N, C-alpha and C. Protein backbone atom coordinates (compact mmCIF):
# COMPACT_ATOMS: atom_id res chain seq x y z
N MET A 1 93.19 -22.24 -57.31
CA MET A 1 91.79 -21.85 -57.43
C MET A 1 91.26 -22.40 -58.75
N SER A 2 90.13 -23.01 -58.68
CA SER A 2 89.55 -23.60 -59.88
C SER A 2 88.98 -22.51 -60.78
N TYR A 3 88.79 -22.87 -62.03
CA TYR A 3 88.24 -21.92 -63.00
C TYR A 3 86.84 -21.48 -62.59
N ALA A 4 86.01 -22.41 -62.12
CA ALA A 4 84.64 -22.07 -61.73
C ALA A 4 84.64 -21.08 -60.56
N ARG A 5 85.52 -21.31 -59.60
CA ARG A 5 85.59 -20.41 -58.45
C ARG A 5 86.07 -19.03 -58.88
N SER A 6 87.08 -18.97 -59.76
CA SER A 6 87.57 -17.67 -60.21
C SER A 6 86.52 -16.95 -61.05
N ALA A 7 85.72 -17.70 -61.82
CA ALA A 7 84.65 -17.09 -62.60
C ALA A 7 83.57 -16.52 -61.69
N ARG A 8 83.23 -17.25 -60.65
CA ARG A 8 82.23 -16.76 -59.68
C ARG A 8 82.75 -15.51 -58.97
N THR A 9 84.03 -15.51 -58.63
CA THR A 9 84.62 -14.36 -57.96
C THR A 9 84.59 -13.15 -58.87
N LYS A 10 84.97 -13.33 -60.13
CA LYS A 10 84.96 -12.23 -61.11
C LYS A 10 83.54 -11.71 -61.31
N PHE A 11 82.57 -12.62 -61.43
CA PHE A 11 81.18 -12.23 -61.60
C PHE A 11 80.70 -11.44 -60.38
N GLY A 12 81.05 -11.90 -59.21
CA GLY A 12 80.67 -11.19 -57.99
C GLY A 12 81.25 -9.78 -57.93
N GLN A 13 82.49 -9.64 -58.37
CA GLN A 13 83.12 -8.32 -58.40
C GLN A 13 82.42 -7.41 -59.40
N LEU A 14 82.11 -7.94 -60.59
CA LEU A 14 81.43 -7.13 -61.60
C LEU A 14 80.04 -6.71 -61.15
N MET A 15 79.30 -7.61 -60.51
CA MET A 15 77.97 -7.25 -60.04
C MET A 15 78.04 -6.25 -58.89
N GLY A 16 79.08 -6.34 -58.08
CA GLY A 16 79.29 -5.35 -57.03
C GLY A 16 79.55 -3.96 -57.60
N GLN A 17 80.36 -3.91 -58.66
CA GLN A 17 80.63 -2.64 -59.33
C GLN A 17 79.37 -2.10 -59.99
N CYS A 18 78.59 -3.00 -60.58
CA CYS A 18 77.35 -2.62 -61.24
C CYS A 18 76.37 -2.05 -60.21
N LYS A 19 76.26 -2.71 -59.08
CA LYS A 19 75.36 -2.26 -58.02
C LYS A 19 75.79 -0.88 -57.51
N ALA A 20 77.09 -0.67 -57.35
CA ALA A 20 77.59 0.63 -56.91
C ALA A 20 77.30 1.71 -57.95
N TRP A 21 77.50 1.38 -59.25
CA TRP A 21 77.23 2.34 -60.32
C TRP A 21 75.75 2.71 -60.33
N LEU A 22 74.88 1.72 -60.20
CA LEU A 22 73.44 2.01 -60.19
C LEU A 22 73.07 2.85 -58.97
N ALA A 23 73.64 2.57 -57.82
CA ALA A 23 73.34 3.34 -56.62
C ALA A 23 73.72 4.81 -56.80
N GLU A 24 74.81 5.07 -57.52
CA GLU A 24 75.27 6.45 -57.73
C GLU A 24 74.48 7.16 -58.82
N ASN A 25 73.98 6.44 -59.81
CA ASN A 25 73.44 7.07 -61.00
C ASN A 25 71.94 6.92 -61.21
N LYS A 26 71.29 6.02 -60.52
CA LYS A 26 69.87 5.76 -60.77
C LYS A 26 69.00 6.93 -60.32
N PRO A 27 67.75 6.97 -60.75
CA PRO A 27 66.84 8.04 -60.32
C PRO A 27 66.70 8.06 -58.79
N SER A 28 66.58 9.28 -58.27
CA SER A 28 66.43 9.47 -56.82
C SER A 28 65.52 10.67 -56.59
N ALA A 29 65.33 11.01 -55.34
CA ALA A 29 64.48 12.15 -55.00
C ALA A 29 65.08 13.45 -55.53
N THR A 30 66.40 13.57 -55.50
CA THR A 30 67.04 14.79 -55.98
C THR A 30 67.18 14.83 -57.49
N GLN A 31 67.28 13.67 -58.12
CA GLN A 31 67.36 13.58 -59.59
C GLN A 31 66.33 12.56 -60.07
N PRO A 32 65.09 13.00 -60.34
CA PRO A 32 64.02 12.07 -60.68
C PRO A 32 64.29 11.22 -61.93
N LYS A 33 65.12 11.72 -62.83
CA LYS A 33 65.42 10.95 -64.05
C LYS A 33 66.79 10.28 -63.99
N GLY A 34 67.48 10.44 -62.90
CA GLY A 34 68.82 9.87 -62.77
C GLY A 34 69.85 10.83 -63.34
N THR A 35 71.10 10.43 -63.29
CA THR A 35 72.17 11.28 -63.81
C THR A 35 72.13 11.29 -65.32
N GLU A 36 72.87 12.21 -65.90
CA GLU A 36 72.95 12.30 -67.37
C GLU A 36 73.50 10.99 -67.94
N LEU A 37 74.50 10.42 -67.28
CA LEU A 37 75.07 9.16 -67.74
C LEU A 37 74.05 8.03 -67.67
N TYR A 38 73.25 7.99 -66.62
CA TYR A 38 72.19 6.98 -66.49
C TYR A 38 71.19 7.12 -67.64
N GLN A 39 70.79 8.36 -67.94
CA GLN A 39 69.84 8.59 -69.01
C GLN A 39 70.41 8.16 -70.36
N GLN A 40 71.69 8.46 -70.61
CA GLN A 40 72.34 8.04 -71.86
C GLN A 40 72.42 6.52 -71.94
N THR A 41 72.77 5.90 -70.83
CA THR A 41 72.88 4.44 -70.80
C THR A 41 71.53 3.78 -71.04
N MET A 42 70.48 4.29 -70.40
CA MET A 42 69.14 3.73 -70.56
C MET A 42 68.65 3.93 -72.00
N ALA A 43 68.92 5.09 -72.60
CA ALA A 43 68.51 5.34 -73.97
C ALA A 43 69.21 4.38 -74.94
N ALA A 44 70.51 4.16 -74.70
CA ALA A 44 71.25 3.22 -75.56
C ALA A 44 70.74 1.80 -75.38
N TYR A 45 70.42 1.43 -74.15
CA TYR A 45 69.88 0.09 -73.86
C TYR A 45 68.52 -0.09 -74.53
N LYS A 46 67.66 0.92 -74.44
CA LYS A 46 66.34 0.84 -75.06
C LYS A 46 66.44 0.80 -76.59
N SER A 47 67.46 1.45 -77.14
CA SER A 47 67.61 1.47 -78.60
C SER A 47 67.94 0.09 -79.16
N GLN A 48 68.43 -0.80 -78.34
CA GLN A 48 68.67 -2.17 -78.80
C GLN A 48 67.50 -3.07 -78.45
N HIS A 49 66.34 -2.45 -78.20
CA HIS A 49 65.08 -3.15 -77.92
C HIS A 49 65.15 -3.99 -76.66
N ARG A 50 65.93 -3.52 -75.69
CA ARG A 50 66.04 -4.15 -74.37
C ARG A 50 66.40 -5.63 -74.44
N ILE A 51 67.27 -5.96 -75.35
CA ILE A 51 67.73 -7.34 -75.46
C ILE A 51 68.79 -7.55 -74.37
N GLY A 52 68.58 -8.54 -73.54
CA GLY A 52 69.49 -8.81 -72.43
C GLY A 52 69.05 -8.08 -71.18
N ARG A 53 69.85 -8.19 -70.16
CA ARG A 53 69.54 -7.55 -68.88
C ARG A 53 70.29 -6.23 -68.76
N PHE A 54 69.68 -5.27 -68.08
CA PHE A 54 70.28 -3.94 -67.93
C PHE A 54 71.61 -4.02 -67.18
N ASN A 55 71.70 -4.87 -66.17
CA ASN A 55 72.96 -5.02 -65.43
C ASN A 55 74.07 -5.50 -66.35
N ALA A 56 73.78 -6.46 -67.22
CA ALA A 56 74.79 -6.95 -68.16
C ALA A 56 75.19 -5.85 -69.12
N TYR A 57 74.24 -5.03 -69.54
CA TYR A 57 74.54 -3.92 -70.43
C TYR A 57 75.48 -2.93 -69.75
N ILE A 58 75.22 -2.63 -68.48
CA ILE A 58 76.08 -1.71 -67.73
C ILE A 58 77.50 -2.27 -67.65
N VAL A 59 77.62 -3.54 -67.32
CA VAL A 59 78.94 -4.15 -67.21
C VAL A 59 79.68 -4.09 -68.54
N LYS A 60 79.00 -4.45 -69.61
CA LYS A 60 79.66 -4.52 -70.92
C LYS A 60 80.00 -3.15 -71.49
N HIS A 61 79.09 -2.20 -71.40
CA HIS A 61 79.29 -0.94 -72.10
C HIS A 61 79.78 0.21 -71.24
N VAL A 62 79.56 0.17 -69.94
CA VAL A 62 79.98 1.27 -69.09
C VAL A 62 81.21 0.89 -68.28
N LEU A 63 81.13 -0.18 -67.53
CA LEU A 63 82.25 -0.56 -66.66
C LEU A 63 83.45 -1.02 -67.46
N LYS A 64 83.24 -1.81 -68.50
CA LYS A 64 84.37 -2.27 -69.33
C LYS A 64 84.99 -1.11 -70.09
N ALA A 65 84.17 -0.12 -70.48
CA ALA A 65 84.71 1.05 -71.16
C ALA A 65 85.64 1.83 -70.23
N ASP A 66 85.32 1.86 -68.95
CA ASP A 66 86.19 2.53 -67.99
C ASP A 66 87.53 1.83 -67.85
N GLU A 67 87.53 0.50 -67.95
CA GLU A 67 88.79 -0.24 -67.84
C GLU A 67 89.69 0.06 -69.03
N THR A 68 89.11 0.17 -70.22
CA THR A 68 89.92 0.41 -71.41
C THR A 68 90.26 1.87 -71.60
N ASN A 69 89.41 2.78 -71.06
CA ASN A 69 89.64 4.21 -71.22
C ASN A 69 89.29 4.91 -69.91
N PRO A 70 90.18 4.88 -68.91
CA PRO A 70 89.85 5.46 -67.61
C PRO A 70 89.67 6.97 -67.65
N GLN A 71 90.14 7.65 -68.68
CA GLN A 71 89.99 9.10 -68.78
C GLN A 71 88.66 9.50 -69.41
N GLY A 72 87.93 8.56 -70.01
CA GLY A 72 86.68 8.87 -70.70
C GLY A 72 85.55 9.21 -69.75
N GLY A 73 84.64 10.03 -70.20
CA GLY A 73 83.46 10.37 -69.41
C GLY A 73 83.82 10.98 -68.08
N ASN A 74 83.18 10.55 -67.03
CA ASN A 74 83.44 11.06 -65.69
C ASN A 74 84.67 10.43 -65.08
N GLY A 75 85.07 9.25 -65.60
CA GLY A 75 86.18 8.54 -65.03
C GLY A 75 85.82 7.98 -63.67
N GLY A 76 86.68 7.20 -63.10
CA GLY A 76 86.44 6.69 -61.75
C GLY A 76 85.27 5.74 -61.66
N SER A 77 84.66 5.67 -60.49
CA SER A 77 83.63 4.68 -60.24
C SER A 77 82.28 5.04 -60.82
N THR A 78 82.08 6.30 -61.23
CA THR A 78 80.78 6.67 -61.78
C THR A 78 80.62 6.21 -63.20
N GLY A 79 81.69 5.89 -63.87
CA GLY A 79 81.62 5.33 -65.20
C GLY A 79 81.61 6.38 -66.27
N GLY A 80 82.29 6.09 -67.36
CA GLY A 80 82.28 6.98 -68.52
C GLY A 80 81.20 6.55 -69.48
N ALA A 81 80.97 7.36 -70.48
CA ALA A 81 79.91 7.04 -71.45
C ALA A 81 80.30 5.86 -72.32
N GLY A 82 81.60 5.63 -72.48
CA GLY A 82 82.04 4.48 -73.26
C GLY A 82 81.53 4.51 -74.68
N ASP A 83 81.04 3.38 -75.17
CA ASP A 83 80.55 3.29 -76.54
C ASP A 83 79.04 3.19 -76.55
N LEU A 84 78.37 4.13 -75.90
CA LEU A 84 76.92 4.05 -75.78
C LEU A 84 76.21 4.42 -77.06
N GLY A 85 76.88 5.06 -77.97
CA GLY A 85 76.22 5.53 -79.19
C GLY A 85 76.01 4.49 -80.23
């Protein structure tokens, strides 16, 4: 497998995880402001003056934090708070 193909595969996996995280945590009819984790993540993203894309921020600070510390936050696929502060 070439490097470009493996990079595309990895990117596709990360975006799939990001999409799943957003589907679980984003604002909805039952939670108009989203989950507590979503609110913390959005506040941390806004505090950096929205530099970059929100999906990239989720991958870097929420999903990667789960890989390094699976016991942190909620654990599992919903994502931990990681280093949002």
